[in-house]
Amino acid sequence: MQKIIKNMNFINHSKFIYLLPLFAVITISCKNDSFNYPDSKIWAHRVNDTITAQEKENLFAGVEVDIFISPFQDKIFVGHDDNDTINGLELYQWFSAIQHPQKLRYWLDVKNLYVNNAEMLSGKINDIICHYGLQKKLIIESPNGEALKTVKQHGIPVLLWVDNIHDLKTMDTAYWYERTKGRIGDLEPDAISCNFRMFPLLTDSFPEQKIHFWHTPADYTPENVELTKRICANKSVKVVLVDYETPDL
């Protein structure tokens, strides 16, 4: 019981004590099992501070957040790199800044998820899901399939980051396909993700998968907007991250 209370240290402990008899029921009802997508495929990219989160929550249906697991503390910080942890913004503080957290969907890009910290991450993420009522509204991304297996076992939807063939000069398309197919088959993720440059190769190769694309061109130009529209028109594509001010195309 001490471990449970420690994992939920951001919840008022005096209130939590009175809820102990209900904990078993809450644990069951807080399982995600599968991710529920919003109508809009256009999500805000890299919403890594509370001010931006407050701005985007009334504009976008979903947001992507980079998180970093501290190797020295039992904490999860918001940030793209370990240096960002100096800002001291913990993930639960980020969620606390959102006025209506249940309105959004969340793509959490875990920058350092490994087998040895996946259990800790899963516990803390489930605490957040339960506390804010985010069942089926939060998905965890990582390239580490083995670590994602642990996350998946905790009832949290998982998003497998797959290789961008353009970054791998020695990998041909046939090898990339077999490798990616094997990774997907081994994990059976809820969805897969990759750089937008992998469109349409990724959608053509794995049309049965739910696909998320990221790192789309940042500038709001007619050419980039048309590219975003073309990607979103594909049935396999469920999310496209953008740096546009609004989701309007």
C-alpha atoms as a PDB file:
ATOM      1  CA  MET A   1       0.000   0.000   0.000  1.00  0.00           C
ATOM      2  CA  GLN A   2       2.895   2.356   0.651  1.00  0.00           C
ATOM      3  CA  LYS A   3       4.028   1.842  -2.942  1.00  0.00           C
ATOM      4  CA  ILE A   4       0.584   2.744  -4.261  1.00  0.00           C
ATOM      5  CA  ILE A   5       0.483   5.921  -2.233  1.00  0.00           C
ATOM      6  CA  LYS A   6       3.988   6.858  -3.359  1.00  0.00           C
ATOM      7  CA  ASN A   7       3.058   6.414  -6.998  1.00  0.00           C
ATOM      8  CA  MET A   8       0.084   8.709  -6.526  1.00  0.00           C
ATOM      9  CA  ASN A   9       1.985  11.386  -4.669  1.00  0.00           C
ATOM     10  CA  PHE A  10       0.377  14.164  -6.644  1.00  0.00           C
ATOM     11  CA  ILE A  11      -3.103  13.213  -5.358  1.00  0.00           C
ATOM     12  CA  ASN A  12      -4.262  14.594  -2.024  1.00  0.00           C
ATOM     13  CA  HIS A  13      -3.349  11.786   0.383  1.00  0.00           C
ATOM     14  CA  SER A  14      -5.984  12.673   2.969  1.00  0.00           C
ATOM     15  CA  LYS A  15      -8.695  12.207   0.342  1.00  0.00           C
ATOM     16  CA  PHE A  16      -7.053   9.114  -1.080  1.00  0.00           C
ATOM     17  CA  ILE A  17      -7.191   7.288   2.252  1.00  0.00           C
ATOM     18  CA  TYR A  18     -10.983   7.430   2.285  1.00  0.00           C
ATOM     19  CA  LEU A  19     -11.083   5.953  -1.219  1.00  0.00           C
ATOM     20  CA  LEU A  20      -9.024   2.863  -0.408  1.00  0.00           C
ATOM     21  CA  PRO A  21     -11.988   0.428  -0.353  1.00  0.00           C
ATOM     22  CA  LEU A  22     -12.779   1.491  -3.928  1.00  0.00           C
ATOM     23  CA  PHE A  23      -9.256   1.070  -5.266  1.00  0.00           C
ATOM     24  CA  ALA A  24      -9.812  -2.373  -6.787  1.00  0.00           C
ATOM     25  CA  VAL A  25     -12.827  -1.111  -8.702  1.00  0.00           C
ATOM     26  CA  ILE A  26     -10.983   2.011  -9.844  1.00  0.00           C
ATOM     27  CA  THR A  27      -8.023  -0.029 -11.066  1.00  0.00           C
ATOM     28  CA  ILE A  28     -10.242  -2.172 -13.281  1.00  0.00           C
ATOM     29  CA  SER A  29     -12.194   0.765 -14.715  1.00  0.00           C
ATOM     30  CA  CYS A  30      -9.005   2.688 -15.489  1.00  0.00           C
ATOM     31  CA  LYS A  31      -7.684   0.169 -18.006  1.00  0.00           C
ATOM     32  CA  ASN A  32      -7.354   1.682 -21.462  1.00  0.00           C
ATOM     33  CA  ASP A  33      -7.411  -1.520 -23.552  1.00  0.00           C
ATOM     34  CA  SER A  34      -7.651   0.391 -26.840  1.00  0.00           C
ATOM     35  CA  PHE A  35      -7.172   3.936 -28.042  1.00  0.00           C
ATOM     36  CA  ASN A  36     -10.199   5.987 -29.042  1.00  0.00           C
ATOM     37  CA  TYR A  37      -9.397   8.403 -31.866  1.00  0.00           C
ATOM     38  CA  PRO A  38     -11.054  11.821 -32.181  1.00  0.00           C
ATOM     39  CA  ASP A  39     -12.623  12.985 -35.434  1.00  0.00           C
ATOM     40  CA  SER A  40      -9.742  15.323 -36.276  1.00  0.00           C
ATOM     41  CA  LYS A  41      -6.448  13.821 -37.456  1.00  0.00           C
ATOM     42  CA  ILE A  42      -4.563  17.103 -37.030  1.00  0.00           C
ATOM     43  CA  TRP A  43      -2.777  17.216 -33.661  1.00  0.00           C
ATOM     44  CA  ALA A  44      -0.405  19.757 -32.147  1.00  0.00           C
ATOM     45  CA  HIS A  45       3.272  18.797 -32.191  1.00  0.00           C
ATOM     46  CA  ARG A  46       5.665  19.087 -29.236  1.00  0.00           C
ATOM     47  CA  VAL A  47       3.403  20.732 -26.655  1.00  0.00           C
ATOM     48  CA  ASN A  48       6.113  20.706 -24.020  1.00  0.00           C
ATOM     49  CA  ASP A  49       5.153  23.555 -21.692  1.00  0.00           C
ATOM     50  CA  THR A  50       2.048  24.493 -19.755  1.00  0.00           C
ATOM     51  CA  ILE A  51       1.377  27.773 -21.567  1.00  0.00           C
ATOM     52  CA  THR A  52       1.332  26.056 -24.965  1.00  0.00           C
ATOM     53  CA  ALA A  53      -0.806  23.260 -23.533  1.00  0.00           C
ATOM     54  CA  GLN A  54      -3.400  25.779 -22.360  1.00  0.00           C
ATOM     55  CA  GLU A  55      -3.382  27.467 -25.772  1.00  0.00           C
ATOM     56  CA  LYS A  56      -3.711  24.245 -27.765  1.00  0.00           C
ATOM     57  CA  GLU A  57      -6.377  22.520 -25.685  1.00  0.00           C
ATOM     58  CA  ASN A  58      -9.132  24.725 -27.089  1.00  0.00           C
ATOM     59  CA  LEU A  59      -7.909  24.391 -30.677  1.00  0.00           C
ATOM     60  CA  PHE A  60      -6.758  20.819 -31.288  1.00  0.00           C
ATOM     61  CA  ALA A  61      -8.335  17.431 -30.670  1.00  0.00           C
ATOM     62  CA  GLY A  62      -5.016  15.937 -29.587  1.00  0.00           C
ATOM     63  CA  VAL A  63      -1.498  16.912 -28.569  1.00  0.00           C
ATOM     64  CA  GLU A  64       1.919  15.271 -28.646  1.00  0.00           C
ATOM     65  CA  VAL A  65       4.145  15.643 -25.590  1.00  0.00           C
ATOM     66  CA  ASP A  66       7.773  14.584 -25.163  1.00  0.00           C
ATOM     67  CA  ILE A  67       8.586  13.035 -21.813  1.00  0.00           C
ATOM     68  CA  PHE A  68      11.800  11.935 -20.166  1.00  0.00           C
ATOM     69  CA  ILE A  69      12.126   9.417 -17.348  1.00  0.00           C
ATOM     70  CA  SER A  70      14.645  10.592 -14.765  1.00  0.00           C
ATOM     71  CA  PRO A  71      17.322   7.928 -14.195  1.00  0.00           C
ATOM     72  CA  PHE A  72      18.074   9.457 -10.790  1.00  0.00           C
ATOM     73  CA  GLN A  73      14.611  10.261  -9.451  1.00  0.00           C
ATOM     74  CA  ASP A  74      11.306   8.425  -9.378  1.00  0.00           C
ATOM     75  CA  LYS A  75       9.831  11.074 -11.664  1.00  0.00           C
ATOM     76  CA  ILE A  76       8.740  11.724 -15.248  1.00  0.00           C
ATOM     77  CA  PHE A  77       9.601  15.115 -16.727  1.00  0.00           C
ATOM     78  CA  VAL A  78       8.230  16.915 -19.776  1.00  0.00           C
ATOM     79  CA  GLY A  79      11.006  17.536 -22.284  1.00  0.00           C
ATOM     80  CA  HIS A  80      12.631  16.365 -25.482  1.00  0.00           C
ATOM     81  CA  ASP A  81      16.115  15.842 -23.981  1.00  0.00           C
ATOM     82  CA  ASP A  82      17.563  15.040 -20.583  1.00  0.00           C
ATOM     83  CA  ASN A  83      18.755  18.657 -20.325  1.00  0.00           C
ATOM     84  CA  ASP A  84      15.104  19.731 -20.331  1.00  0.00           C
ATOM     85  CA  THR A  85      14.636  18.168 -16.905  1.00  0.00           C
ATOM     86  CA  ILE A  86      16.430  21.198 -15.467  1.00  0.00           C
ATOM     87  CA  ASN A  87      13.148  23.055 -16.018  1.00  0.00           C
ATOM     88  CA  GLY A  88      11.614  20.795 -13.395  1.00  0.00           C
ATOM     89  CA  LEU A  89       8.253  20.388 -15.171  1.00  0.00           C
ATOM     90  CA  GLU A  90       6.902  17.029 -14.102  1.00  0.00           C
ATOM     91  CA  LEU A  91       4.290  15.295 -16.221  1.00  0.00           C
ATOM     92  CA  TYR A  92       1.595  15.467 -13.556  1.00  0.00           C
ATOM     93  CA  GLN A  93       2.161  19.244 -13.287  1.00  0.00           C
ATOM     94  CA  TRP A  94       1.738  19.539 -17.047  1.00  0.00           C
ATOM     95  CA  PHE A  95      -1.609  17.732 -16.854  1.00  0.00           C
ATOM     96  CA  SER A  96      -2.682  19.863 -13.901  1.00  0.00           C
ATOM     97  CA  ALA A  97      -2.326  22.992 -16.054  1.00  0.00           C
ATOM     98  CA  ILE A  98      -4.927  21.805 -18.582  1.00  0.00           C
ATOM     99  CA  GLN A  99      -8.394  23.102 -17.763  1.00  0.00           C
ATOM    100  CA  HIS A 100     -10.384  20.286 -19.380  1.00  0.00           C
ATOM    101  CA  PRO A 101      -8.012  17.311 -19.804  1.00  0.00           C
ATOM    102  CA  GLN A 102     -10.771  14.885 -20.802  1.00  0.00           C
ATOM    103  CA  LYS A 103     -11.449  16.857 -23.999  1.00  0.00           C
ATOM    104  CA  LEU A 104      -8.083  15.939 -25.536  1.00  0.00           C
ATOM    105  CA  ARG A 105      -6.207  12.883 -26.735  1.00  0.00           C
ATOM    106  CA  TYR A 106      -2.551  12.473 -25.754  1.00  0.00           C
ATOM    107  CA  TRP A 107       0.433  11.058 -27.629  1.00  0.00           C
ATOM    108  CA  LEU A 108       3.286  10.702 -25.133  1.00  0.00           C
ATOM    109  CA  ASP A 109       6.651  10.277 -26.840  1.00  0.00           C
ATOM    110  CA  VAL A 110       8.906   8.633 -24.245  1.00  0.00           C
ATOM    111  CA  LYS A 111      12.481   9.564 -25.126  1.00  0.00           C
ATOM    112  CA  ASN A 112      14.206   7.029 -22.899  1.00  0.00           C
ATOM    113  CA  LEU A 113      11.905   4.056 -22.381  1.00  0.00           C
ATOM    114  CA  TYR A 114      13.756   0.851 -21.553  1.00  0.00           C
ATOM    115  CA  VAL A 115      12.840  -2.530 -20.147  1.00  0.00           C
ATOM    116  CA  ASN A 116      14.207  -1.542 -16.731  1.00  0.00           C
ATOM    117  CA  ASN A 117      12.041   1.575 -16.356  1.00  0.00           C
ATOM    118  CA  ALA A 118       8.884   0.477 -18.218  1.00  0.00           C
ATOM    119  CA  GLU A 119       7.245  -0.836 -15.051  1.00  0.00           C
ATOM    120  CA  MET A 120       7.709   2.462 -13.223  1.00  0.00           C
ATOM    121  CA  LEU A 121       6.454   4.457 -16.189  1.00  0.00           C
ATOM    122  CA  SER A 122       3.375   2.253 -16.546  1.00  0.00           C
ATOM    123  CA  GLY A 123       2.408   2.691 -12.921  1.00  0.00           C
ATOM    124  CA  LYS A 124       2.691   6.464 -13.036  1.00  0.00           C
ATOM    125  CA  ILE A 125       0.882   6.763 -16.359  1.00  0.00           C
ATOM    126  CA  ASN A 126      -1.987   4.640 -15.077  1.00  0.00           C
ATOM    127  CA  ASP A 127      -2.181   6.902 -12.014  1.00  0.00           C
ATOM    128  CA  ILE A 128      -2.590   9.895 -14.345  1.00  0.00           C
ATOM    129  CA  ILE A 129      -5.152   8.076 -16.497  1.00  0.00           C
ATOM    130  CA  CYS A 130      -7.237   7.209 -13.444  1.00  0.00           C
ATOM    131  CA  HIS A 131      -6.925  10.615 -11.812  1.00  0.00           C
ATOM    132  CA  TYR A 132      -7.954  12.592 -14.898  1.00  0.00           C
ATOM    133  CA  GLY A 133     -10.344  10.055 -16.446  1.00  0.00           C
ATOM    134  CA  LEU A 134      -8.253   9.547 -19.592  1.00  0.00           C
ATOM    135  CA  GLN A 135      -9.224   5.958 -20.366  1.00  0.00           C
ATOM    136  CA  LYS A 136      -8.666   5.260 -24.081  1.00  0.00           C
ATOM    137  CA  LYS A 137      -7.359   8.814 -24.559  1.00  0.00           C
ATOM    138  CA  LEU A 138      -3.624   8.349 -24.027  1.00  0.00           C
ATOM    139  CA  ILE A 139      -1.043   6.398 -26.025  1.00  0.00           C
ATOM    140  CA  ILE A 140       2.662   5.764 -25.314  1.00  0.00           C
ATOM    141  CA  GLU A 141       5.250   5.938 -28.117  1.00  0.00           C
ATOM    142  CA  SER A 142       8.721   4.384 -28.222  1.00  0.00           C
ATOM    143  CA  PRO A 143      11.002   2.491 -30.627  1.00  0.00           C
ATOM    144  CA  ASN A 144      11.696  -0.054 -27.865  1.00  0.00           C
ATOM    145  CA  GLY A 145       9.311  -2.907 -28.574  1.00  0.00           C
ATOM    146  CA  GLU A 146      10.329  -4.980 -25.549  1.00  0.00           C
ATOM    147  CA  ALA A 147       9.690  -2.087 -23.173  1.00  0.00           C
ATOM    148  CA  LEU A 148       6.363  -1.354 -24.863  1.00  0.00           C
ATOM    149  CA  LYS A 149       5.309  -4.940 -24.126  1.00  0.00           C
ATOM    150  CA  THR A 150       5.430  -4.107 -20.425  1.00  0.00           C
ATOM    151  CA  VAL A 151       3.424  -0.927 -20.973  1.00  0.00           C
ATOM    152  CA  LYS A 152       0.871  -2.862 -23.019  1.00  0.00           C
ATOM    153  CA  GLN A 153       0.533  -5.466 -20.271  1.00  0.00           C
ATOM    154  CA  HIS A 154      -0.613  -2.647 -17.986  1.00  0.00           C
ATOM    155  CA  GLY A 155      -3.536  -1.898 -20.298  1.00  0.00           C
ATOM    156  CA  ILE A 156      -2.019   1.226 -21.854  1.00  0.00           C
ATOM    157  CA  PRO A 157      -2.215   1.630 -25.664  1.00  0.00           C
ATOM    158  CA  VAL A 158       1.204   1.604 -27.318  1.00  0.00           C
ATOM    159  CA  LEU A 159       2.570   3.299 -30.424  1.00  0.00           C
ATOM    160  CA  LEU A 160       5.580   1.642 -32.068  1.00  0.00           C
ATOM    161  CA  TRP A 161       8.084   4.084 -33.611  1.00  0.00           C
ATOM    162  CA  VAL A 162       9.373   2.397 -36.776  1.00  0.00           C
ATOM    163  CA  ASP A 163      12.501   3.023 -38.819  1.00  0.00           C
ATOM    164  CA  ASN A 164      12.696   5.819 -41.366  1.00  0.00           C
ATOM    165  CA  ILE A 165      14.440   4.224 -44.332  1.00  0.00           C
ATOM    166  CA  HIS A 166      15.747   7.647 -45.424  1.00  0.00           C
ATOM    167  CA  ASP A 167      17.928   7.736 -42.297  1.00  0.00           C
ATOM    168  CA  LEU A 168      19.375   4.272 -42.884  1.00  0.00           C
ATOM    169  CA  LYS A 169      21.711   4.445 -45.866  1.00  0.00           C
ATOM    170  CA  THR A 170      22.591   0.743 -45.793  1.00  0.00           C
ATOM    171  CA  MET A 171      19.033  -0.582 -45.470  1.00  0.00           C
ATOM    172  CA  ASP A 172      17.162  -1.469 -48.640  1.00  0.00           C
ATOM    173  CA  THR A 173      13.380  -1.454 -48.896  1.00  0.00           C
ATOM    174  CA  ALA A 174      13.001  -5.239 -48.786  1.00  0.00           C
ATOM    175  CA  TYR A 175      15.029  -5.537 -45.574  1.00  0.00           C
ATOM    176  CA  TRP A 176      13.188  -2.574 -44.040  1.00  0.00           C
ATOM    177  CA  TYR A 177       9.842  -4.190 -44.822  1.00  0.00           C
ATOM    178  CA  GLU A 178      10.737  -7.566 -43.300  1.00  0.00           C
ATOM    179  CA  ARG A 179      12.276  -5.933 -40.224  1.00  0.00           C
ATOM    180  CA  THR A 180       9.283  -3.663 -39.676  1.00  0.00           C
ATOM    181  CA  LYS A 181       6.813  -6.483 -40.288  1.00  0.00           C
ATOM    182  CA  GLY A 182       8.628  -8.598 -37.694  1.00  0.00           C
ATOM    183  CA  ARG A 183       8.607  -5.818 -35.093  1.00  0.00           C
ATOM    184  CA  ILE A 184       4.902  -5.179 -35.613  1.00  0.00           C
ATOM    185  CA  GLY A 185       4.090  -8.873 -35.413  1.00  0.00           C
ATOM    186  CA  ASP A 186       6.107  -9.301 -32.229  1.00  0.00           C
ATOM    187  CA  LEU A 187       4.471  -6.419 -30.345  1.00  0.00           C
ATOM    188  CA  GLU A 188       1.074  -6.092 -32.033  1.00  0.00           C
ATOM    189  CA  PRO A 189       0.935  -2.379 -31.185  1.00  0.00           C
ATOM    190  CA  ASP A 190      -2.206  -0.273 -31.239  1.00  0.00           C
ATOM    191  CA  ALA A 191      -0.570   1.893 -33.922  1.00  0.00           C
ATOM    192  CA  ILE A 192       2.771   2.659 -35.586  1.00  0.00           C
ATOM    193  CA  SER A 193       4.508   6.001 -36.125  1.00  0.00           C
ATOM    194  CA  CYS A 194       7.164   7.478 -38.377  1.00  0.00           C
ATOM    195  CA  ASN A 195       8.484  10.626 -40.041  1.00  0.00           C
ATOM    196  CA  PHE A 196       6.143  12.050 -42.690  1.00  0.00           C
ATOM    197  CA  ARG A 197       8.763  11.295 -45.378  1.00  0.00           C
ATOM    198  CA  MET A 198       7.710   7.647 -45.071  1.00  0.00           C
ATOM    199  CA  PHE A 199       4.374   8.493 -46.661  1.00  0.00           C
ATOM    200  CA  PRO A 200       3.204   6.709 -48.784  1.00  0.00           C
ATOM    201  CA  LEU A 201       5.682   3.814 -48.349  1.00  0.00           C
ATOM    202  CA  LEU A 202       4.457   3.099 -44.816  1.00  0.00           C
ATOM    203  CA  THR A 203       0.757   3.258 -45.683  1.00  0.00           C
ATOM    204  CA  ASP A 204       1.262   1.174 -48.830  1.00  0.00           C
ATOM    205  CA  SER A 205       3.297  -1.457 -46.959  1.00  0.00           C
ATOM    206  CA  PHE A 206       1.075  -1.739 -43.874  1.00  0.00           C
ATOM    207  CA  PRO A 207      -2.412  -0.499 -44.810  1.00  0.00           C
ATOM    208  CA  GLU A 208      -3.965  -2.592 -42.047  1.00  0.00           C
ATOM    209  CA  GLN A 209      -2.104  -0.622 -39.366  1.00  0.00           C
ATOM    210  CA  LYS A 210      -3.221   2.598 -37.714  1.00  0.00           C
ATOM    211  CA  ILE A 211      -0.493   5.081 -38.602  1.00  0.00           C
ATOM    212  CA  HIS A 212       0.717   8.300 -36.972  1.00  0.00           C
ATOM    213  CA  PHE A 213       3.015  10.707 -38.820  1.00  0.00           C
ATOM    214  CA  TRP A 214       5.257  13.327 -37.242  1.00  0.00           C
ATOM    215  CA  HIS A 215       7.792  16.002 -38.180  1.00  0.00           C
ATOM    216  CA  THR A 216       5.602  17.355 -40.955  1.00  0.00           C
ATOM    217  CA  PRO A 217       6.845  20.621 -42.527  1.00  0.00           C
ATOM    218  CA  ALA A 218       6.503  23.378 -39.959  1.00  0.00           C
ATOM    219  CA  ASP A 219       5.711  26.351 -42.181  1.00  0.00           C
ATOM    220  CA  TYR A 220       2.078  27.044 -42.998  1.00  0.00           C
ATOM    221  CA  THR A 221       2.445  27.335 -46.767  1.00  0.00           C
ATOM    222  CA  PRO A 222      -0.001  26.275 -49.496  1.00  0.00           C
ATOM    223  CA  GLU A 223       2.335  23.454 -50.510  1.00  0.00           C
ATOM    224  CA  ASN A 224       2.697  22.126 -46.954  1.00  0.00           C
ATOM    225  CA  VAL A 225      -1.018  22.382 -46.274  1.00  0.00           C
ATOM    226  CA  GLU A 226      -1.756  20.370 -49.418  1.00  0.00           C
ATOM    227  CA  LEU A 227       0.741  17.729 -48.293  1.00  0.00           C
ATOM    228  CA  THR A 228      -0.939  17.551 -44.873  1.00  0.00           C
ATOM    229  CA  LYS A 229      -4.340  17.176 -46.537  1.00  0.00           C
ATOM    230  CA  ARG A 230      -3.029  14.407 -48.795  1.00  0.00           C
ATOM    231  CA  ILE A 231      -1.600  12.474 -45.847  1.00  0.00           C
ATOM    232  CA  CYS A 232      -4.798  12.866 -43.820  1.00  0.00           C
ATOM    233  CA  ALA A 233      -6.899  11.606 -46.734  1.00  0.00           C
ATOM    234  CA  ASN A 234      -5.349   8.147 -46.408  1.00  0.00           C
ATOM    235  CA  LYS A 235      -7.633   5.815 -44.418  1.00  0.00           C
ATOM    236  CA  SER A 236      -4.747   4.180 -42.550  1.00  0.00           C
ATOM    237  CA  VAL A 237      -3.515   7.525 -41.203  1.00  0.00           C
ATOM    238  CA  LYS A 238      -5.069   8.407 -37.855  1.00  0.00           C
ATOM    239  CA  VAL A 239      -2.857  11.281 -36.659  1.00  0.00           C
ATOM    240  CA  VAL A 240      -0.666  13.905 -38.324  1.00  0.00           C
ATOM    241  CA  LEU A 241       1.389  16.153 -36.059  1.00  0.00           C
ATOM    242  CA  VAL A 242       1.712  19.775 -37.150  1.00  0.00           C
ATOM    243  CA  ASP A 243       3.368  22.945 -35.921  1.00  0.00           C
ATOM    244  CA  TYR A 244       0.597  25.082 -37.393  1.00  0.00           C
ATOM    245  CA  GLU A 245      -1.088  27.586 -35.094  1.00  0.00           C
ATOM    246  CA  THR A 246      -4.477  25.958 -35.653  1.00  0.00           C
ATOM    247  CA  PRO A 247      -5.747  22.670 -37.138  1.00  0.00           C
ATOM    248  CA  ASP A 248      -7.575  24.505 -39.894  1.00  0.00           C
ATOM    249  CA  LEU A 249      -6.311  23.528 -43.351  1.00  0.00           C
END
